Amino acid sequence: MIVALELFGALRGYEPDDKLHLDVNGDRVADLRAALAAHAAGHWPGPALGLLGKCAFATHSEILRDGDPLPADGRMAALPPVSGG
């Protein structure tokens, strides 16, 4: 499945247009997380890799857990943790 993944927060800027199309081998969010980690290991700087295990993944309307199925339309967002005051 091809997933169109939008990157937000600290992940922005690692890909052109802050978007990435990943070929995901599987149909669960955990499979997307693994595909993104594999891509990032070869293309992104080290600090970004540390964020991936803490990222949330979402559709346009809900946050999904690793065991949840990927949406049929393949549109997702990666949301790294944030902090602020």
Protein backbone atom coordinates (compact mmCIF):
# COMPACT_ATOMS: atom_id res chain seq x y z
CA MET A 1 0.00 0.00 0.00
CA ILE A 2 1.26 3.49 -0.83
CA VAL A 3 0.76 5.93 2.04
CA ALA A 4 0.83 9.70 1.48
CA LEU A 5 2.34 10.94 4.73
CA GLU A 6 2.37 14.59 5.78
CA LEU A 7 5.13 15.57 8.19
CA PHE A 8 4.51 18.04 10.99
CA GLY A 9 6.46 19.69 13.80
CA ALA A 10 10.12 18.78 14.11
CA LEU A 11 9.84 16.42 11.11
CA ARG A 12 9.01 19.25 8.71
CA GLY A 13 11.77 20.04 6.30
CA TYR A 14 13.19 16.53 6.04
CA GLU A 15 11.30 15.94 2.80
CA PRO A 16 10.35 18.22 -0.10
CA ASP A 17 6.99 19.86 0.54
CA ASP A 18 6.96 18.19 4.00
CA LYS A 19 5.34 15.12 2.41
CA LEU A 20 6.46 11.60 1.70
CA HIS A 21 4.98 8.70 -0.25
CA LEU A 22 5.93 5.39 1.32
CA ASP A 23 5.36 1.87 0.07
CA VAL A 24 4.18 0.14 3.25
CA ASN A 25 4.45 -3.63 3.45
CA GLY A 26 1.39 -4.31 5.61
CA ASP A 27 -1.88 -2.69 6.56
CA ARG A 28 -1.35 -1.47 10.14
CA VAL A 29 0.02 1.76 11.58
CA ALA A 30 2.94 -0.24 13.00
CA ASP A 31 3.85 -1.20 9.43
CA LEU A 32 3.82 2.48 8.46
CA ARG A 33 6.03 3.31 11.45
CA ALA A 34 8.52 0.62 10.32
CA ALA A 35 8.53 1.87 6.72
CA LEU A 36 9.11 5.43 7.87
CA ALA A 37 11.95 4.35 10.18
CA ALA A 38 13.62 2.47 7.31
CA HIS A 39 13.31 5.50 5.04
CA ALA A 40 14.53 7.90 7.71
CA ALA A 41 17.59 5.77 8.53
CA GLY A 42 18.90 6.40 5.02
CA HIS A 43 17.75 9.96 4.46
CA TRP A 44 17.34 11.94 7.69
CA PRO A 45 19.77 13.19 10.34
CA GLY A 46 20.20 11.23 13.57
CA PRO A 47 18.02 13.41 15.86
CA ALA A 48 14.99 12.79 13.66
CA LEU A 49 15.33 9.05 14.13
CA GLY A 50 14.87 9.43 17.88
CA LEU A 51 11.52 11.13 17.36
CA LEU A 52 9.98 8.37 15.28
CA GLY A 53 9.27 6.01 18.16
CA LYS A 54 7.36 8.79 19.91
CA CYS A 55 5.37 10.04 16.93
CA ALA A 56 1.64 9.72 16.71
CA PHE A 57 0.02 8.90 13.39
CA ALA A 58 -3.31 10.33 12.37
CA THR A 59 -5.89 10.47 9.63
CA HIS A 60 -7.69 13.71 8.89
CA SER A 61 -10.03 13.02 11.80
CA GLU A 62 -8.41 10.74 14.40
CA ILE A 63 -5.21 9.59 16.07
CA LEU A 64 -4.45 5.92 15.39
CA ARG A 65 -2.55 3.37 17.47
CA ASP A 66 0.07 1.00 16.07
CA GLY A 67 -2.41 -1.89 15.89
CA ASP A 68 -5.03 0.10 13.98
CA PRO A 69 -5.52 -0.45 10.26
CA LEU A 70 -4.27 2.12 7.79
CA PRO A 71 -7.05 4.14 6.17
CA ALA A 72 -8.24 2.96 2.77
CA ASP A 73 -7.35 6.29 1.15
CA GLY A 74 -3.74 5.99 2.36
CA ARG A 75 -3.61 9.57 3.68
CA MET A 76 -1.85 9.96 7.03
CA ALA A 77 0.06 12.48 9.11
CA ALA A 78 3.11 11.99 11.36
CA LEU A 79 2.86 14.05 14.54
CA PRO A 80 6.01 14.24 16.66
CA PRO A 81 5.76 15.08 20.35
CA VAL A 82 5.62 18.78 21.20
CA SER A 83 6.16 20.85 24.27
CA GLY A 84 5.69 24.46 25.14
CA GLY A 85 4.40 26.90 27.60
